[in-house]
Amino acid sequence: MIRLPLIIVLLSTLLTSCSQFLPRKKPQESLPQRSGWRHAPSWAHKALQQNWWKDFADSRLDSLIDTALSRNPDLGILSKRLERSRAQTQQARAAAWPAINLNSRFLPGREQSSATGWSPIDLKPWANDGSVSWEIDLFGRIAAGTRAAREAEQAALWDLHAGRLLTATAVAGAHFRILRLNEEHALVASSVSANQKILTFLRARKEAGLVSETVILRQEAEHERLTRSLLDLERLRGLALLQLENLCGGESIPLPAGHLSTCRTPPLPGRTSAAVLAQRPDMLASEARLRSAFELEESKRLNLLPSLALGGSARARGPSLLSDFRQWMAQVGPSLEIPIYSPSRIASVAAGRAATNEAAALYRKRAITAFKEVESSYLNLGNRHNQLQAAKREVVALEKARRNTLATFENGLVSQIELLESERRSLEGKRQELAIRHALLRDHLTLIRALGGGSQNKNPRK
């Protein structure tokens, strides 16, 4: 009769200890509701394809990105992490399978007990054990752990896609930088050639006694300044090539030829805020990590409940490994474990719940950051378009003024200082226009990255 009150007390203690860890829904973070982007131009509506870089119509860029996606070392690391996550999923799934163990050992010794009349006897030295165990997942603890591992594997998969997007945009950015430096080098080289002609013209006038030595020195200084700019451009181009080679796995790559003006700027892509959350790889990875943390919390919570296992074991002893056994024992049947009060398990559930809440907060922060990146990219792109139009008009005016100044200089109607200033302004105007066109392409890549690149499949969450 004592057993029934004892069982009631134990069960009430169990329910009290587990009452604070009842099942709950996955945390739902409130995100800003956006019907559209405030700074998106009206023409930003083109859908993003998976191979979005082909819209730039640059075969050299296509080849570089293909090489980087197959040989980039960072992507290799992410691929190995995905393999590890898949192995961990298999490990979590294996917890639901039966376990079979066999053991054979040599244990010489003696036994002395009341059963032997307190006379020592030699034990059989060879002992063999065998066991079969299988835990019945009554409440789904093992299944929840398996789901947590599977979601972690999905997060690793989306990390790989995010790495591919970052690598592709980084390769495109380095390629465009080299094209810009090529064109800027050509502009400065053209200005050096023009200054060399002016210097030759001035030296001829000096011999005729029409200009002073100071005029010649001033022009030579301008020539050296432009030569120094050429050397600096070559240095920057070499650094950009090294960056490109590193992105492509360290292979030696020939310096891309061509200029930035030959690169086509594709139409601006568009994607709703809901599509950004559903197709941006880092958002999908963050969402999968939230689901994984929630399932892991659920597995720890279910670990507070009773568990049932089926098992069997057999033991045998004999004088040698190959002889008949003289002693043996076998057991088979279920075993029920009822955790009445386990502080470590309760603390584990609390830690799992805190981890889930942290993952939800990180997901919300990443979503807000993603929306900010899209808005800032659209704002920059719209402004860059206006700047580029103004820069083109400025270059046309400065180039016309330069030609007029050069013609009047040859006729001796303006000073050499005015000619130098006109040449410098024309060159700086062209370089500024080139810098804006390069910035426009960089902002375009930033927008592609903010929107999540091309969609991987029709339903990325599957």
Protein backbone atom coordinates (compact mmCIF):
# COMPACT_ATOMS: atom_id res chain seq x y z
CA MET A 1 0.00 0.00 0.00
CA ILE A 2 2.94 2.26 0.43
CA ARG A 3 3.81 2.09 -3.27
CA LEU A 4 0.69 3.91 -4.51
CA PRO A 5 1.22 7.11 -2.44
CA LEU A 6 4.88 7.04 -3.39
CA ILE A 7 4.05 6.83 -7.09
CA ILE A 8 1.53 9.67 -6.74
CA VAL A 9 4.15 11.86 -5.05
CA LEU A 10 6.72 11.06 -7.72
CA LEU A 11 4.31 11.80 -10.57
CA SER A 12 3.21 15.10 -8.99
CA THR A 13 6.87 16.10 -8.62
CA LEU A 14 7.45 15.19 -12.27
CA LEU A 15 4.49 17.28 -13.44
CA THR A 16 5.56 20.23 -11.30
CA SER A 17 9.10 20.16 -12.66
CA CYS A 18 7.87 19.98 -16.26
CA SER A 19 4.98 22.45 -16.00
CA GLN A 20 7.21 25.43 -16.78
CA PHE A 21 8.38 23.76 -20.01
CA LEU A 22 5.10 23.14 -21.82
CA PRO A 23 5.11 23.04 -25.63
CA ARG A 24 5.23 26.44 -27.36
CA LYS A 25 5.04 27.76 -30.88
CA LYS A 26 8.11 28.78 -32.84
CA PRO A 27 8.94 32.47 -32.15
CA GLN A 28 7.54 34.81 -34.78
CA GLU A 29 9.48 38.06 -35.08
CA SER A 30 7.53 41.08 -36.29
CA LEU A 31 9.14 42.53 -39.41
CA PRO A 32 8.49 45.86 -41.14
CA GLN A 33 5.66 45.58 -43.66
CA ARG A 34 6.68 47.03 -47.02
CA SER A 35 4.42 47.27 -50.04
CA GLY A 36 7.32 48.64 -52.08
CA TRP A 37 10.74 50.27 -51.90
CA ARG A 38 10.72 54.02 -51.36
CA HIS A 39 13.79 54.71 -53.52
CA ALA A 40 13.30 52.11 -56.27
CA PRO A 41 13.08 53.74 -59.74
CA SER A 42 10.01 52.97 -61.81
CA TRP A 43 12.08 50.97 -64.29
CA ALA A 44 13.38 48.56 -61.62
CA HIS A 45 11.24 45.56 -62.46
CA LYS A 46 13.45 43.06 -64.32
CA ALA A 47 13.49 39.55 -62.79
CA LEU A 48 16.85 38.25 -61.59
CA GLN A 49 18.08 35.08 -63.24
CA GLN A 50 20.34 32.58 -61.53
CA ASN A 51 23.21 33.43 -63.91
CA TRP A 52 22.57 37.17 -63.58
CA TRP A 53 26.14 38.05 -64.63
CA LYS A 54 25.37 37.16 -68.26
CA ASP A 55 23.26 40.33 -68.44
CA PHE A 56 26.51 42.32 -68.55
CA ALA A 57 27.29 40.72 -71.95
CA ASP A 58 30.96 40.14 -71.07
CA SER A 59 32.26 36.70 -72.03
CA ARG A 60 35.48 37.25 -70.07
CA LEU A 61 33.43 37.93 -66.92
CA ASP A 62 31.41 34.75 -67.53
CA SER A 63 34.61 32.71 -67.69
CA LEU A 64 36.06 34.30 -64.54
CA ILE A 65 32.92 33.66 -62.49
CA ASP A 66 32.72 30.04 -63.67
CA THR A 67 36.34 29.54 -62.59
CA ALA A 68 35.78 31.19 -59.21
CA LEU A 69 32.63 29.19 -58.44
CA SER A 70 34.50 25.94 -59.04
CA ARG A 71 37.87 26.79 -57.44
CA ASN A 72 37.36 29.50 -54.82
CA PRO A 73 38.89 28.31 -51.50
CA ASP A 74 36.17 29.89 -49.34
CA LEU A 75 33.51 28.01 -51.29
CA GLY A 76 35.54 24.84 -50.78
CA ILE A 77 35.37 25.38 -47.01
CA LEU A 78 31.60 25.95 -47.17
CA SER A 79 31.21 22.75 -49.19
CA LYS A 80 33.07 20.78 -46.52
CA ARG A 81 30.88 22.31 -43.84
CA LEU A 82 27.84 21.13 -45.77
CA GLU A 83 29.29 17.62 -45.89
CA ARG A 84 29.85 17.73 -42.13
CA SER A 85 26.26 18.89 -41.58
CA ARG A 86 24.97 16.00 -43.68
CA ALA A 87 27.04 13.57 -41.61
CA GLN A 88 25.63 15.10 -38.41
CA THR A 89 22.11 14.61 -39.77
CA GLN A 90 22.88 10.93 -40.33
CA GLN A 91 24.29 10.74 -36.80
CA ALA A 92 21.10 12.23 -35.33
CA ARG A 93 18.93 9.88 -37.41
CA ALA A 94 20.96 6.86 -36.25
CA ALA A 95 19.82 7.43 -32.65
CA ALA A 96 16.45 5.91 -33.62
CA TRP A 97 18.01 2.68 -34.87
CA PRO A 98 18.65 -0.45 -32.77
CA ALA A 99 22.18 -0.90 -31.42
CA ILE A 100 23.90 -4.32 -31.36
CA ASN A 101 27.11 -4.94 -29.42
CA LEU A 102 29.36 -7.97 -29.02
CA ASN A 103 32.32 -8.21 -26.65
CA SER A 104 34.86 -10.87 -25.83
CA ARG A 105 37.51 -10.53 -23.13
CA PHE A 106 39.98 -12.55 -21.07
CA LEU A 107 39.39 -12.15 -17.32
CA PRO A 108 41.26 -14.66 -15.13
CA GLY A 109 40.41 -14.56 -11.43
CA ARG A 110 39.03 -16.34 -8.39
CA GLU A 111 35.71 -16.16 -6.57
CA GLN A 112 35.05 -16.75 -2.87
CA SER A 113 31.54 -16.43 -1.40
CA SER A 114 29.02 -18.21 0.79
CA ALA A 115 27.76 -20.02 -2.29
CA THR A 116 31.13 -21.79 -2.56
CA GLY A 117 31.33 -22.49 1.19
CA TRP A 118 33.92 -19.71 1.42
CA SER A 119 36.29 -21.83 -0.63
CA PRO A 120 38.03 -20.00 -3.43
CA ILE A 121 37.38 -21.31 -6.93
CA ASP A 122 38.92 -20.36 -10.23
CA LEU A 123 36.67 -18.37 -12.59
CA LYS A 124 36.35 -19.23 -16.21
CA PRO A 125 38.81 -16.78 -17.86
CA TRP A 126 36.97 -16.16 -21.15
CA ALA A 127 33.85 -13.98 -20.99
CA ASN A 128 31.58 -13.03 -23.88
CA ASP A 129 28.83 -10.42 -23.80
CA GLY A 130 26.17 -9.47 -26.28
CA SER A 131 23.42 -6.85 -26.13
CA VAL A 132 20.66 -5.43 -28.27
CA SER A 133 19.01 -2.10 -27.36
CA TRP A 134 16.37 0.00 -29.07
CA GLU A 135 14.80 3.13 -27.61
CA ILE A 136 11.15 3.61 -28.47
CA ASP A 137 10.64 7.27 -29.31
CA LEU A 138 7.39 7.62 -27.36
CA PHE A 139 7.12 11.41 -27.37
CA GLY A 140 9.28 12.32 -30.40
CA ARG A 141 12.48 13.41 -28.67
CA ILE A 142 14.72 11.64 -31.17
CA ALA A 143 12.59 12.85 -34.09
CA ALA A 144 12.92 16.44 -32.88
CA GLY A 145 16.71 16.06 -32.66
CA THR A 146 16.75 14.68 -36.20
CA ARG A 147 14.69 17.63 -37.47
CA ALA A 148 17.09 20.02 -35.74
CA ALA A 149 20.05 18.41 -37.50
CA ARG A 150 18.21 18.50 -40.83
CA GLU A 151 17.48 22.22 -40.47
CA ALA A 152 21.13 22.84 -39.57
CA GLU A 153 22.04 21.04 -42.80
CA GLN A 154 19.69 23.35 -44.71
CA ALA A 155 21.39 26.35 -43.11
CA ALA A 156 24.77 25.06 -44.27
CA LEU A 157 23.36 24.63 -47.79
CA TRP A 158 22.12 28.23 -47.89
CA ASP A 159 25.46 29.40 -46.48
CA LEU A 160 27.06 27.82 -49.54
CA HIS A 161 24.62 29.64 -51.86
CA ALA A 162 25.30 32.91 -50.04
CA GLY A 163 29.04 32.32 -50.46
CA ARG A 164 28.55 31.70 -54.18
CA LEU A 165 26.63 34.98 -54.50
CA LEU A 166 29.31 36.92 -52.62
CA THR A 167 32.07 35.30 -54.67
CA ALA A 168 30.37 36.05 -57.99
CA THR A 169 29.76 39.71 -57.10
CA ALA A 170 33.33 40.05 -55.78
CA VAL A 171 34.73 38.66 -59.05
CA ALA A 172 32.54 41.00 -61.07
CA GLY A 173 33.62 43.93 -58.89
CA ALA A 174 37.33 43.14 -59.33
CA HIS A 175 36.85 42.67 -63.09
CA PHE A 176 35.06 46.02 -63.44
CA ARG A 177 37.77 47.70 -61.40
CA ILE A 178 40.45 46.43 -63.78
CA LEU A 179 38.41 47.61 -66.79
CA ARG A 180 38.08 51.03 -65.19
CA LEU A 181 41.82 51.21 -64.52
CA ASN A 182 42.51 50.15 -68.11
CA GLU A 183 40.38 52.98 -69.43
CA GLU A 184 41.76 55.47 -66.93
CA HIS A 185 45.27 54.43 -67.91
CA ALA A 186 44.42 55.05 -71.55
CA LEU A 187 43.03 58.51 -70.71
CA VAL A 188 46.12 59.53 -68.75
CA ALA A 189 48.41 58.07 -71.42
CA SER A 190 46.57 60.13 -74.04
CA SER A 191 47.02 63.22 -71.89
CA VAL A 192 50.74 62.42 -71.51
CA SER A 193 51.04 62.19 -75.28
CA ALA A 194 49.25 65.51 -75.71
CA ASN A 195 51.47 67.17 -73.11
CA GLN A 196 54.54 65.76 -74.84
CA LYS A 197 53.45 67.42 -78.08
CA ILE A 198 52.87 70.70 -76.25
CA LEU A 199 56.30 70.40 -74.64
CA THR A 200 57.89 69.87 -78.06
CA PHE A 201 56.02 72.90 -79.38
CA LEU A 202 57.15 75.04 -76.44
CA ARG A 203 60.77 74.01 -76.85
CA ALA A 204 60.65 75.10 -80.47
CA ARG A 205 59.24 78.47 -79.41
CA LYS A 206 61.92 78.78 -76.73
CA GLU A 207 64.62 78.32 -79.33
CA ALA A 208 62.96 81.10 -81.25
CA GLY A 209 63.10 83.25 -78.11
CA LEU A 210 59.34 83.48 -77.72
CA VAL A 211 58.97 81.76 -74.31
CA SER A 212 61.09 81.58 -71.19
CA GLU A 213 62.74 78.66 -69.43
CA THR A 214 60.10 78.86 -66.68
CA VAL A 215 57.37 77.92 -69.16
CA ILE A 216 59.34 74.85 -70.22
CA LEU A 217 59.93 73.77 -66.61
CA ARG A 218 56.26 74.17 -65.76
CA GLN A 219 55.26 71.96 -68.68
CA GLU A 220 57.90 69.36 -67.80
CA ALA A 221 56.56 69.25 -64.21
CA GLU A 222 53.06 68.66 -65.55
CA HIS A 223 54.40 65.86 -67.73
CA GLU A 224 56.07 64.18 -64.74
CA ARG A 225 52.88 64.47 -62.69
CA LEU A 226 50.93 62.63 -65.36
CA THR A 227 53.68 60.00 -65.63
CA ARG A 228 53.44 59.45 -61.87
CA SER A 229 49.68 59.00 -62.22
CA LEU A 230 50.31 56.33 -64.86
CA LEU A 231 52.62 54.43 -62.51
CA ASP A 232 50.06 54.58 -59.69
CA LEU A 233 47.34 53.26 -62.01
CA GLU A 234 49.56 50.34 -62.96
CA ARG A 235 50.08 49.57 -59.28
CA LEU A 236 46.36 49.61 -58.55
CA ARG A 237 45.67 47.45 -61.58
CA GLY A 238 48.22 44.90 -60.38
CA LEU A 239 46.57 44.77 -56.94
CA ALA A 240 43.13 44.28 -58.52
CA LEU A 241 44.52 41.43 -60.63
CA LEU A 242 45.94 39.78 -57.51
CA GLN A 243 42.54 40.02 -55.84
CA LEU A 244 40.91 38.47 -58.89
CA GLU A 245 43.43 35.62 -58.93
CA ASN A 246 42.80 34.95 -55.25
CA LEU A 247 39.05 34.77 -55.86
CA CYS A 248 39.66 32.29 -58.68
CA GLY A 249 41.64 29.92 -56.47
CA GLY A 250 45.12 31.40 -56.84
CA GLU A 251 45.50 30.61 -60.53
CA SER A 252 47.51 32.92 -62.75
CA ILE A 253 45.09 34.99 -64.82
CA PRO A 254 46.00 37.22 -67.77
CA LEU A 255 45.17 40.86 -67.32
CA PRO A 256 41.65 41.45 -68.66
CA ALA A 257 41.69 43.73 -71.69
CA GLY A 258 39.01 46.17 -72.69
CA HIS A 259 37.55 49.27 -71.13
CA LEU A 260 34.62 49.90 -68.83
CA SER A 261 32.74 51.76 -71.56
CA THR A 262 32.34 48.48 -73.49
CA CYS A 263 30.55 46.83 -70.56
CA ARG A 264 26.77 46.92 -70.85
CA THR A 265 24.81 47.98 -67.78
CA PRO A 266 21.75 45.69 -67.49
CA PRO A 267 18.31 46.94 -66.48
CA LEU A 268 17.71 47.39 -62.77
CA PRO A 269 16.23 44.27 -61.16
CA GLY A 270 13.26 44.37 -58.84
CA ARG A 271 11.99 42.06 -56.11
CA THR A 272 9.39 42.52 -53.38
CA SER A 273 10.32 42.50 -49.70
CA ALA A 274 8.59 39.13 -49.25
CA ALA A 275 10.62 37.73 -52.14
CA VAL A 276 13.83 39.04 -50.56
CA LEU A 277 13.04 37.12 -47.37
CA ALA A 278 12.14 34.02 -49.36
CA GLN A 279 15.06 34.01 -51.82
CA ARG A 280 18.01 35.78 -50.21
CA PRO A 281 20.41 32.96 -49.18
CA ASP A 282 21.61 34.45 -45.89
CA MET A 283 17.99 35.04 -44.83
CA LEU A 284 17.10 31.44 -45.65
CA ALA A 285 20.14 30.24 -43.69
CA SER A 286 19.12 32.38 -40.70
CA GLU A 287 15.56 31.08 -40.89
CA ALA A 288 16.80 27.47 -41.01
CA ARG A 289 18.99 28.09 -37.97
CA LEU A 290 15.94 29.42 -36.11
CA ARG A 291 13.99 26.26 -36.94
CA SER A 292 16.97 24.12 -35.94
CA ALA A 293 17.28 25.89 -32.57
CA PHE A 294 13.55 25.47 -31.95
CA GLU A 295 13.63 21.73 -32.76
CA LEU A 296 16.67 21.28 -30.55
CA GLU A 297 14.85 23.05 -27.72
CA GLU A 298 11.89 20.74 -28.27
CA SER A 299 14.15 17.67 -28.13
CA LYS A 300 15.58 18.83 -24.82
CA ARG A 301 12.10 19.50 -23.45
CA LEU A 302 10.90 16.03 -24.43
CA ASN A 303 13.92 14.61 -22.65
CA LEU A 304 12.12 15.51 -19.38
CA LEU A 305 9.42 12.93 -20.18
CA PRO A 306 9.67 9.16 -19.55
CA SER A 307 11.54 7.05 -22.09
CA LEU A 308 10.97 3.42 -23.01
CA ALA A 309 13.65 1.12 -24.37
CA LEU A 310 13.62 -2.50 -25.46
CA GLY A 311 16.76 -4.48 -24.83
CA GLY A 312 18.34 -7.83 -24.35
CA SER A 313 21.71 -9.03 -23.14
CA ALA A 314 23.57 -12.34 -22.79
CA ARG A 315 26.72 -13.28 -20.90
CA ALA A 316 28.72 -16.48 -21.01
CA ARG A 317 31.97 -17.79 -19.50
CA GLY A 318 34.18 -20.66 -20.51
CA PRO A 319 37.69 -22.01 -19.96
CA SER A 320 38.75 -21.00 -23.47
CA LEU A 321 37.48 -18.97 -26.38
CA LEU A 322 36.58 -22.00 -28.50
CA SER A 323 35.30 -24.38 -25.83
CA ASP A 324 31.72 -24.78 -24.67
CA PHE A 325 30.51 -22.23 -22.20
CA ARG A 326 30.15 -23.46 -18.63
CA GLN A 327 28.24 -20.43 -17.35
CA TRP A 328 25.76 -18.19 -19.11
CA MET A 329 23.03 -15.69 -18.39
CA ALA A 330 20.45 -14.02 -20.64
CA GLN A 331 18.09 -11.10 -20.10
CA VAL A 332 15.45 -9.55 -22.36
CA GLY A 333 12.64 -7.05 -21.82
CA PRO A 334 11.64 -3.39 -21.73
CA SER A 335 13.02 -0.71 -19.47
CA LEU A 336 11.20 2.48 -18.45
CA GLU A 337 13.06 5.57 -17.28
CA ILE A 338 11.08 8.25 -15.44
CA PRO A 339 13.08 11.43 -14.72
CA ILE A 340 11.54 12.74 -11.50
CA TYR A 341 13.84 15.69 -10.94
CA SER A 342 16.93 16.32 -13.08
CA PRO A 343 18.46 19.80 -12.65
CA SER A 344 20.83 19.29 -15.58
CA ARG A 345 17.97 18.43 -17.96
CA ILE A 346 15.87 21.37 -16.77
CA ALA A 347 18.84 23.72 -17.22
CA SER A 348 19.40 22.27 -20.69
CA VAL A 349 15.83 23.14 -21.69
CA ALA A 350 16.24 26.70 -20.41
CA ALA A 351 19.48 27.05 -22.38
CA GLY A 352 17.77 25.70 -25.51
CA ARG A 353 14.90 28.17 -25.14
CA ALA A 354 17.37 31.06 -24.77
CA ALA A 355 19.21 29.87 -27.90
CA THR A 356 15.93 29.83 -29.84
CA ASN A 357 15.08 33.37 -28.73
CA GLU A 358 18.56 34.51 -29.73
CA ALA A 359 18.20 32.91 -33.19
CA ALA A 360 14.85 34.68 -33.62
CA ALA A 361 16.38 38.04 -32.69
CA LEU A 362 19.27 37.46 -35.12
CA TYR A 363 16.80 36.62 -37.88
CA ARG A 364 14.91 39.87 -37.29
CA LYS A 365 18.12 41.90 -37.29
CA ARG A 366 19.26 40.27 -40.54
CA ALA A 367 15.91 40.98 -42.16
CA ILE A 368 16.02 44.67 -41.20
CA THR A 369 19.61 44.86 -42.48
CA ALA A 370 18.54 43.26 -45.77
CA PHE A 371 15.75 45.82 -46.25
CA LYS A 372 18.18 48.66 -45.50
CA GLU A 373 20.69 47.30 -48.05
CA VAL A 374 18.03 47.15 -50.75
CA GLU A 375 16.79 50.68 -50.04
CA SER A 376 20.30 52.15 -49.95
CA SER A 377 21.22 50.36 -53.18
CA TYR A 378 18.20 51.76 -55.00
CA LEU A 379 18.92 55.24 -53.59
CA ASN A 380 22.55 55.09 -54.75
CA LEU A 381 21.64 53.79 -58.19
CA GLY A 382 19.02 56.46 -58.86
CA ASN A 383 21.41 59.19 -57.77
CA ARG A 384 24.31 57.72 -59.77
CA HIS A 385 22.23 57.78 -62.95
CA ASN A 386 21.60 61.50 -62.48
CA GLN A 387 25.28 62.12 -61.66
CA LEU A 388 26.37 60.25 -64.78
CA GLN A 389 24.16 62.37 -67.04
CA ALA A 390 25.57 65.54 -65.49
CA ALA A 391 29.12 64.21 -65.79
CA LYS A 392 28.64 63.45 -69.49
CA ARG A 393 27.46 67.00 -70.14
CA GLU A 394 30.41 68.34 -68.14
CA VAL A 395 32.90 66.27 -70.18
CA VAL A 396 31.44 67.50 -73.47
CA ALA A 397 31.78 71.12 -72.35
CA LEU A 398 35.31 70.65 -70.94
CA GLU A 399 36.52 68.85 -74.05
CA LYS A 400 35.18 71.57 -76.32
CA ALA A 401 36.86 74.20 -74.13
CA ARG A 402 40.13 72.26 -74.25
CA ARG A 403 40.13 72.13 -78.04
CA ASN A 404 39.37 75.83 -78.27
CA THR A 405 42.12 76.69 -75.78
CA LEU A 406 44.64 74.53 -77.64
CA ALA A 407 43.80 76.24 -80.93
CA THR A 408 44.19 79.71 -79.46
CA PHE A 409 47.40 78.67 -77.71
CA GLU A 410 48.97 77.60 -80.97
CA ASN A 411 48.10 81.02 -82.33
CA GLY A 412 49.74 82.61 -79.30
CA LEU A 413 46.54 84.13 -77.95
CA VAL A 414 46.44 82.42 -74.50
CA SER A 415 49.11 81.62 -71.95
CA GLN A 416 50.63 78.22 -71.23
CA ILE A 417 49.12 78.29 -67.71
CA GLU A 418 45.61 78.59 -69.14
CA LEU A 419 46.32 75.69 -71.50
CA LEU A 420 47.57 73.51 -68.61
CA GLU A 421 44.46 74.31 -66.58
CA SER A 422 42.22 73.47 -69.53
CA GLU A 423 44.01 70.14 -70.09
CA ARG A 424 43.82 69.28 -66.39
CA ARG A 425 40.11 70.04 -66.14
CA SER A 426 39.30 67.99 -69.22
CA LEU A 427 41.25 65.00 -67.91
CA GLU A 428 39.73 65.23 -64.43
CA GLY A 429 36.24 65.50 -65.93
CA LYS A 430 36.76 62.33 -67.94
CA ARG A 431 38.16 60.52 -64.93
CA GLN A 432 35.22 61.63 -62.80
CA GLU A 433 32.77 60.36 -65.41
CA LEU A 434 34.64 57.05 -65.48
CA ALA A 435 34.55 56.85 -61.67
CA ILE A 436 30.77 57.42 -61.66
CA ARG A 437 30.22 54.72 -64.29
CA HIS A 438 32.31 52.35 -62.19
CA ALA A 439 30.37 53.30 -59.05
CA LEU A 440 27.14 52.66 -60.94
CA LEU A 441 28.25 49.11 -61.74
CA ARG A 442 29.37 48.58 -58.14
CA ASP A 443 25.99 49.74 -56.87
CA HIS A 444 24.32 47.40 -59.33
CA LEU A 445 26.29 44.48 -57.89
CA THR A 446 25.40 45.61 -54.37
CA LEU A 447 21.71 45.60 -55.34
CA ILE A 448 22.00 42.09 -56.80
CA ARG A 449 23.60 40.93 -53.56
CA ALA A 450 20.94 42.71 -51.46
CA LEU A 451 18.10 41.15 -53.46
CA GLY A 452 19.59 37.69 -53.03
CA GLY A 453 20.85 37.03 -56.54
CA GLY A 454 19.07 34.64 -58.86
CA SER A 455 16.50 32.30 -57.37
CA GLN A 456 17.82 28.77 -56.82
CA ASN A 457 14.49 27.00 -57.37
CA LYS A 458 10.77 27.71 -57.35
CA ASN A 459 10.46 27.12 -53.60
CA PRO A 460 13.81 27.79 -51.91
CA ARG A 461 12.52 26.71 -48.50
CA LYS A 462 12.10 23.11 -49.63
